[in-house]
Amino acid sequence: MIEWPELVAVVREHLASGRAAPQCAEKASSVGESVTEKDAQREADAPQERGTKEDKPAPDPTPTPAEQTVSLEQVRAKLAALSQAGKQESVKSLITEFGGRKLSDVPMDKYPELLAKAEELA
């Protein structure tokens, strides 16, 4: 934390004495460095607070169903398995339901939902 009153006092002293601006700036800079060093020492001496970000457990890396990405190949494999199991009409109606005449017509953002519905048919 910067101690502004000390910095302001140095600047006022230099301005009142008629010293050149570069000298004032140099002195203010050295005060700023001193304050920074004091801040660093305070932080090092301060006890660690409980519940800081470092202490919190990491979030569960398992993505939620909405976050999971489903590839065209995954959907195609599932639909092919259903077709081979004799559910060609169901597969066609699923693809149509999601806005396509063929699987490649279905938007990628619909793949997770399409795969979920296909798994319900299995």
Protein backbone atom coordinates (compact mmCIF):
# COMPACT_ATOMS: atom_id res chain seq x y z
CA MET A 1 0.00 0.00 0.00
CA ILE A 2 1.44 3.38 -1.00
CA GLU A 3 1.86 5.97 1.70
CA TRP A 4 0.69 9.04 -0.18
CA PRO A 5 1.13 11.58 2.60
CA GLU A 6 4.87 10.87 2.66
CA LEU A 7 5.12 11.20 -1.12
CA VAL A 8 3.08 14.41 -1.16
CA ALA A 9 5.25 15.87 1.60
CA VAL A 10 8.42 15.20 -0.43
CA VAL A 11 6.94 16.79 -3.55
CA ARG A 12 5.77 19.86 -1.61
CA GLU A 13 9.20 20.22 0.06
CA HIS A 14 10.95 20.17 -3.32
CA LEU A 15 8.49 22.59 -4.87
CA ALA A 16 8.78 24.99 -1.93
CA SER A 17 12.57 24.91 -2.02
CA GLY A 18 12.60 25.83 -5.71
CA ARG A 19 14.59 22.75 -6.72
CA ALA A 20 14.41 21.63 -10.30
CA ALA A 21 11.63 19.28 -11.38
CA PRO A 22 14.02 16.41 -12.27
CA GLN A 23 15.37 16.41 -8.72
CA CYS A 24 11.83 16.37 -7.38
CA ALA A 25 10.91 13.48 -9.65
CA GLU A 26 14.05 11.58 -8.66
CA LYS A 27 13.30 12.00 -4.97
CA ALA A 28 9.65 11.01 -5.48
CA SER A 29 10.80 7.91 -7.35
CA SER A 30 13.10 6.89 -4.50
CA VAL A 31 10.26 7.37 -2.03
CA GLY A 32 8.03 5.23 -4.26
CA GLU A 33 10.65 2.47 -4.31
CA SER A 34 10.96 2.68 -0.55
CA VAL A 35 7.19 2.40 -0.16
CA THR A 36 7.15 -0.59 -2.52
CA GLU A 37 9.83 -2.31 -0.44
CA LYS A 38 7.83 -1.62 2.73
CA ASP A 39 4.71 -3.10 1.10
CA ALA A 40 6.61 -6.22 0.07
CA GLN A 41 7.92 -6.65 3.61
CA ARG A 42 4.42 -6.21 5.10
CA GLU A 43 3.04 -8.85 2.77
CA ALA A 44 5.84 -11.24 3.68
CA ASP A 45 5.26 -10.66 7.41
CA ALA A 46 1.46 -10.84 7.23
CA PRO A 47 -0.13 -14.16 8.19
CA GLN A 48 -1.80 -15.99 5.33
CA GLU A 49 -5.55 -15.60 5.27
CA ARG A 50 -7.63 -18.74 5.22
CA GLY A 51 -9.73 -19.33 2.16
CA THR A 52 -7.48 -17.66 -0.38
CA LYS A 53 -7.66 -18.77 -3.97
CA GLU A 54 -4.60 -20.97 -3.54
CA ASP A 55 -6.27 -22.86 -0.67
CA LYS A 56 -9.49 -23.61 -2.54
CA PRO A 57 -9.81 -27.06 -4.03
CA ALA A 58 -9.51 -27.27 -7.79
CA PRO A 59 -12.80 -27.50 -9.66
CA ASP A 60 -13.89 -30.93 -10.83
CA PRO A 61 -12.28 -31.44 -14.25
CA THR A 62 -15.14 -33.66 -15.43
CA PRO A 63 -17.09 -31.60 -17.95
CA THR A 64 -20.83 -31.34 -17.61
CA PRO A 65 -22.91 -32.77 -20.45
CA ALA A 66 -23.41 -29.29 -21.87
CA GLU A 67 -19.64 -28.71 -21.92
CA GLN A 68 -18.75 -32.01 -23.56
CA THR A 69 -17.95 -31.84 -27.22
CA VAL A 70 -19.36 -34.53 -29.43
CA SER A 71 -17.74 -35.22 -32.76
CA LEU A 72 -19.41 -36.12 -36.02
CA GLU A 73 -17.64 -39.48 -35.86
CA GLN A 74 -19.17 -40.28 -32.45
CA VAL A 75 -22.68 -39.50 -33.68
CA ARG A 76 -22.11 -41.35 -36.95
CA ALA A 77 -20.87 -44.45 -35.10
CA LYS A 78 -23.90 -44.49 -32.81
CA LEU A 79 -26.36 -43.96 -35.67
CA ALA A 80 -24.62 -46.65 -37.76
CA ALA A 81 -24.93 -49.11 -34.89
CA LEU A 82 -28.64 -48.30 -34.60
CA SER A 83 -29.10 -48.73 -38.37
CA GLN A 84 -27.36 -52.12 -38.27
CA ALA A 85 -29.66 -53.09 -35.42
CA GLY A 86 -32.63 -52.55 -37.74
CA LYS A 87 -33.60 -49.03 -36.64
CA GLN A 88 -33.01 -47.25 -39.97
CA GLU A 89 -36.36 -45.42 -39.87
CA SER A 90 -35.71 -44.17 -36.33
CA VAL A 91 -32.26 -42.92 -37.38
CA LYS A 92 -33.75 -41.08 -40.40
CA SER A 93 -36.41 -39.45 -38.26
CA LEU A 94 -33.81 -38.36 -35.71
CA ILE A 95 -31.70 -36.69 -38.39
CA THR A 96 -34.82 -35.00 -39.81
CA GLU A 97 -35.86 -33.89 -36.32
CA PHE A 98 -32.53 -32.05 -36.00
CA GLY A 99 -32.94 -30.23 -39.30
CA GLY A 100 -31.12 -32.37 -41.81
CA ARG A 101 -31.67 -34.78 -44.66
CA LYS A 102 -28.35 -36.40 -43.85
CA LEU A 103 -26.15 -36.36 -40.76
CA SER A 104 -23.70 -33.79 -42.18
CA ASP A 105 -26.63 -31.33 -42.48
CA VAL A 106 -27.16 -31.33 -38.71
CA PRO A 107 -25.42 -28.36 -36.97
CA MET A 108 -22.49 -29.34 -34.74
CA ASP A 109 -24.04 -27.68 -31.70
CA LYS A 110 -26.88 -30.19 -31.93
CA TYR A 111 -24.59 -33.26 -31.80
CA PRO A 112 -24.73 -33.73 -28.01
CA GLU A 113 -28.52 -33.67 -28.01
CA LEU A 114 -28.72 -35.91 -31.08
CA LEU A 115 -26.35 -38.43 -29.51
CA ALA A 116 -28.39 -38.43 -26.30
CA LYS A 117 -31.60 -39.14 -28.21
CA ALA A 118 -29.85 -41.85 -30.22
CA GLU A 119 -28.70 -43.51 -26.99
CA GLU A 120 -32.31 -43.50 -25.78
CA LEU A 121 -33.23 -45.57 -28.84
CA ALA A 122 -30.59 -48.19 -28.11
